């Protein structure tokens, strides 16, 4: 069992392009439970809970296109017997727009048992 936190500094091509932050990992986890947050405007954010890998969808807008926008994810993953790589995934709402994860982003984890 692991506590996962991701702090991602993210830019996008356009403020009309939403961003989603989620997890992906080994097949058949016992459970994945978390929350993902990303700015949708300069004064609001989108918060989504998820219970599966790739469970948080991309939002529908972004705070500022070319500034470091902070996206945040916190989750508890019960991995089970399938030991493989666990990774953070940043997805774009629009396939035609780019997402850039900036230097200074961090993923940290702690084993819970």
Protein backbone atom coordinates (compact mmCIF):
# COMPACT_ATOMS: atom_id res chain seq x y z
CA UNK A 1 0.00 0.00 0.00
CA UNK A 2 1.35 3.43 -0.98
CA UNK A 3 0.49 7.08 -0.46
CA UNK A 4 1.20 8.92 -3.71
CA UNK A 5 1.45 12.70 -4.16
CA UNK A 6 2.18 14.56 -7.38
CA UNK A 7 2.80 18.29 -7.68
CA UNK A 8 3.06 19.12 -11.40
CA UNK A 9 3.87 22.52 -12.87
CA UNK A 10 2.08 22.43 -16.21
CA UNK A 11 1.70 24.69 -19.24
CA UNK A 12 -0.62 24.28 -22.22
CA UNK A 13 -0.89 25.88 -25.66
CA UNK A 14 -4.18 27.65 -24.92
CA UNK A 15 -6.41 28.54 -21.98
CA UNK A 16 -9.28 26.74 -23.74
CA UNK A 17 -7.37 23.46 -23.33
CA UNK A 18 -8.05 21.57 -20.10
CA UNK A 19 -5.54 19.36 -18.31
CA UNK A 20 -6.03 16.17 -16.30
CA UNK A 21 -3.60 14.58 -13.84
CA UNK A 22 -3.98 10.88 -13.05
CA UNK A 23 -2.07 7.67 -12.29
CA UNK A 24 -1.27 4.56 -14.29
CA UNK A 25 0.27 1.40 -12.94
CA UNK A 26 0.40 -2.39 -12.86
CA UNK A 27 -2.59 -4.51 -13.85
CA UNK A 28 -5.25 -5.53 -11.33
CA UNK A 29 -4.51 -3.34 -8.30
CA UNK A 30 -6.44 -4.15 -5.13
CA UNK A 31 -7.64 -0.52 -5.04
CA UNK A 32 -6.83 2.97 -6.32
CA UNK A 33 -8.47 5.91 -4.54
CA UNK A 34 -7.51 9.52 -4.98
CA UNK A 35 -8.26 13.11 -5.86
CA UNK A 36 -6.83 15.29 -8.62
CA UNK A 37 -6.99 19.09 -8.73
CA UNK A 38 -6.06 21.53 -11.47
CA UNK A 39 -6.80 25.22 -12.10
CA UNK A 40 -9.62 25.97 -14.53
CA UNK A 41 -9.40 29.78 -14.35
CA UNK A 42 -7.17 32.17 -12.43
CA UNK A 43 -9.61 32.00 -9.49
CA UNK A 44 -11.14 28.50 -9.68
CA UNK A 45 -10.06 24.89 -9.77
CA UNK A 46 -11.45 21.51 -10.80
CA UNK A 47 -11.35 18.73 -8.23
CA UNK A 48 -12.06 15.13 -9.23
CA UNK A 49 -12.04 11.93 -7.25
CA UNK A 50 -11.07 8.67 -8.94
CA UNK A 51 -11.14 4.96 -8.11
CA UNK A 52 -9.16 3.48 -11.01
CA UNK A 53 -6.00 4.09 -13.00
CA UNK A 54 -6.48 6.87 -15.58
CA UNK A 55 -9.68 7.75 -13.74
CA UNK A 56 -9.41 11.55 -13.69
CA UNK A 57 -10.58 13.22 -16.92
CA UNK A 58 -9.07 16.37 -18.36
CA UNK A 59 -10.79 19.61 -17.36
CA UNK A 60 -12.43 22.06 -19.74
CA UNK A 61 -10.21 25.10 -19.55
CA UNK A 62 -7.03 26.23 -17.87
CA UNK A 63 -5.92 29.18 -15.75
CA UNK A 64 -3.15 30.61 -17.92
CA UNK A 65 -1.61 28.98 -20.96
CA UNK A 66 2.08 29.78 -20.60
CA UNK A 67 2.60 30.16 -16.84
CA UNK A 68 3.48 27.36 -14.46
CA UNK A 69 0.05 26.15 -13.31
CA UNK A 70 0.09 23.84 -10.30
CA UNK A 71 -1.79 20.56 -10.66
CA UNK A 72 -2.01 18.29 -7.64
CA UNK A 73 -2.83 14.62 -7.10
CA UNK A 74 -3.07 12.59 -3.89
CA UNK A 75 -3.94 8.88 -3.84
CA UNK A 76 -3.69 5.64 -1.91
CA UNK A 77 -2.78 2.68 -4.10
CA UNK A 78 -3.08 -0.91 -2.88
CA UNK A 79 -0.93 -2.66 -5.43
CA UNK A 80 -1.48 -6.33 -4.60
CA UNK A 81 0.90 -8.90 -6.08
CA UNK A 82 1.63 -7.14 -9.38
CA UNK A 83 4.86 -5.19 -8.86
CA UNK A 84 5.52 -2.82 -11.76
CA UNK A 85 6.05 0.87 -12.46
CA UNK A 86 3.56 3.42 -11.13
CA UNK A 87 3.57 6.75 -12.99
CA UNK A 88 1.78 10.04 -13.10
CA UNK A 89 -0.02 10.90 -16.35
CA UNK A 90 -0.86 14.39 -17.58
CA UNK A 91 -3.50 14.41 -20.28
CA UNK A 92 -4.80 17.09 -22.60
CA UNK A 93 -8.48 17.82 -23.15
CA UNK A 94 -7.78 18.55 -26.82
CA UNK A 95 -5.61 16.25 -28.92
CA UNK A 96 -4.43 19.24 -30.99
CA UNK A 97 -2.84 21.05 -28.01
CA UNK A 98 0.42 20.32 -26.23
CA UNK A 99 0.95 19.89 -22.49
CA UNK A 100 4.36 20.65 -20.98
CA UNK A 101 5.34 19.40 -17.52
CA UNK A 102 7.92 21.85 -16.17
CA UNK A 103 11.10 21.37 -14.20
CA UNK A 104 10.32 21.48 -10.49
CA UNK A 105 7.43 19.00 -10.73
CA UNK A 106 7.67 16.17 -8.24
CA UNK A 107 6.12 12.80 -7.46
CA UNK A 108 6.62 11.36 -4.01
CA UNK A 109 5.43 8.17 -2.38
CA UNK A 110 5.49 6.51 0.97
CA UNK A 111 4.91 2.86 1.76
CA UNK A 112 2.04 2.56 4.23
CA UNK A 113 2.58 -0.96 5.56
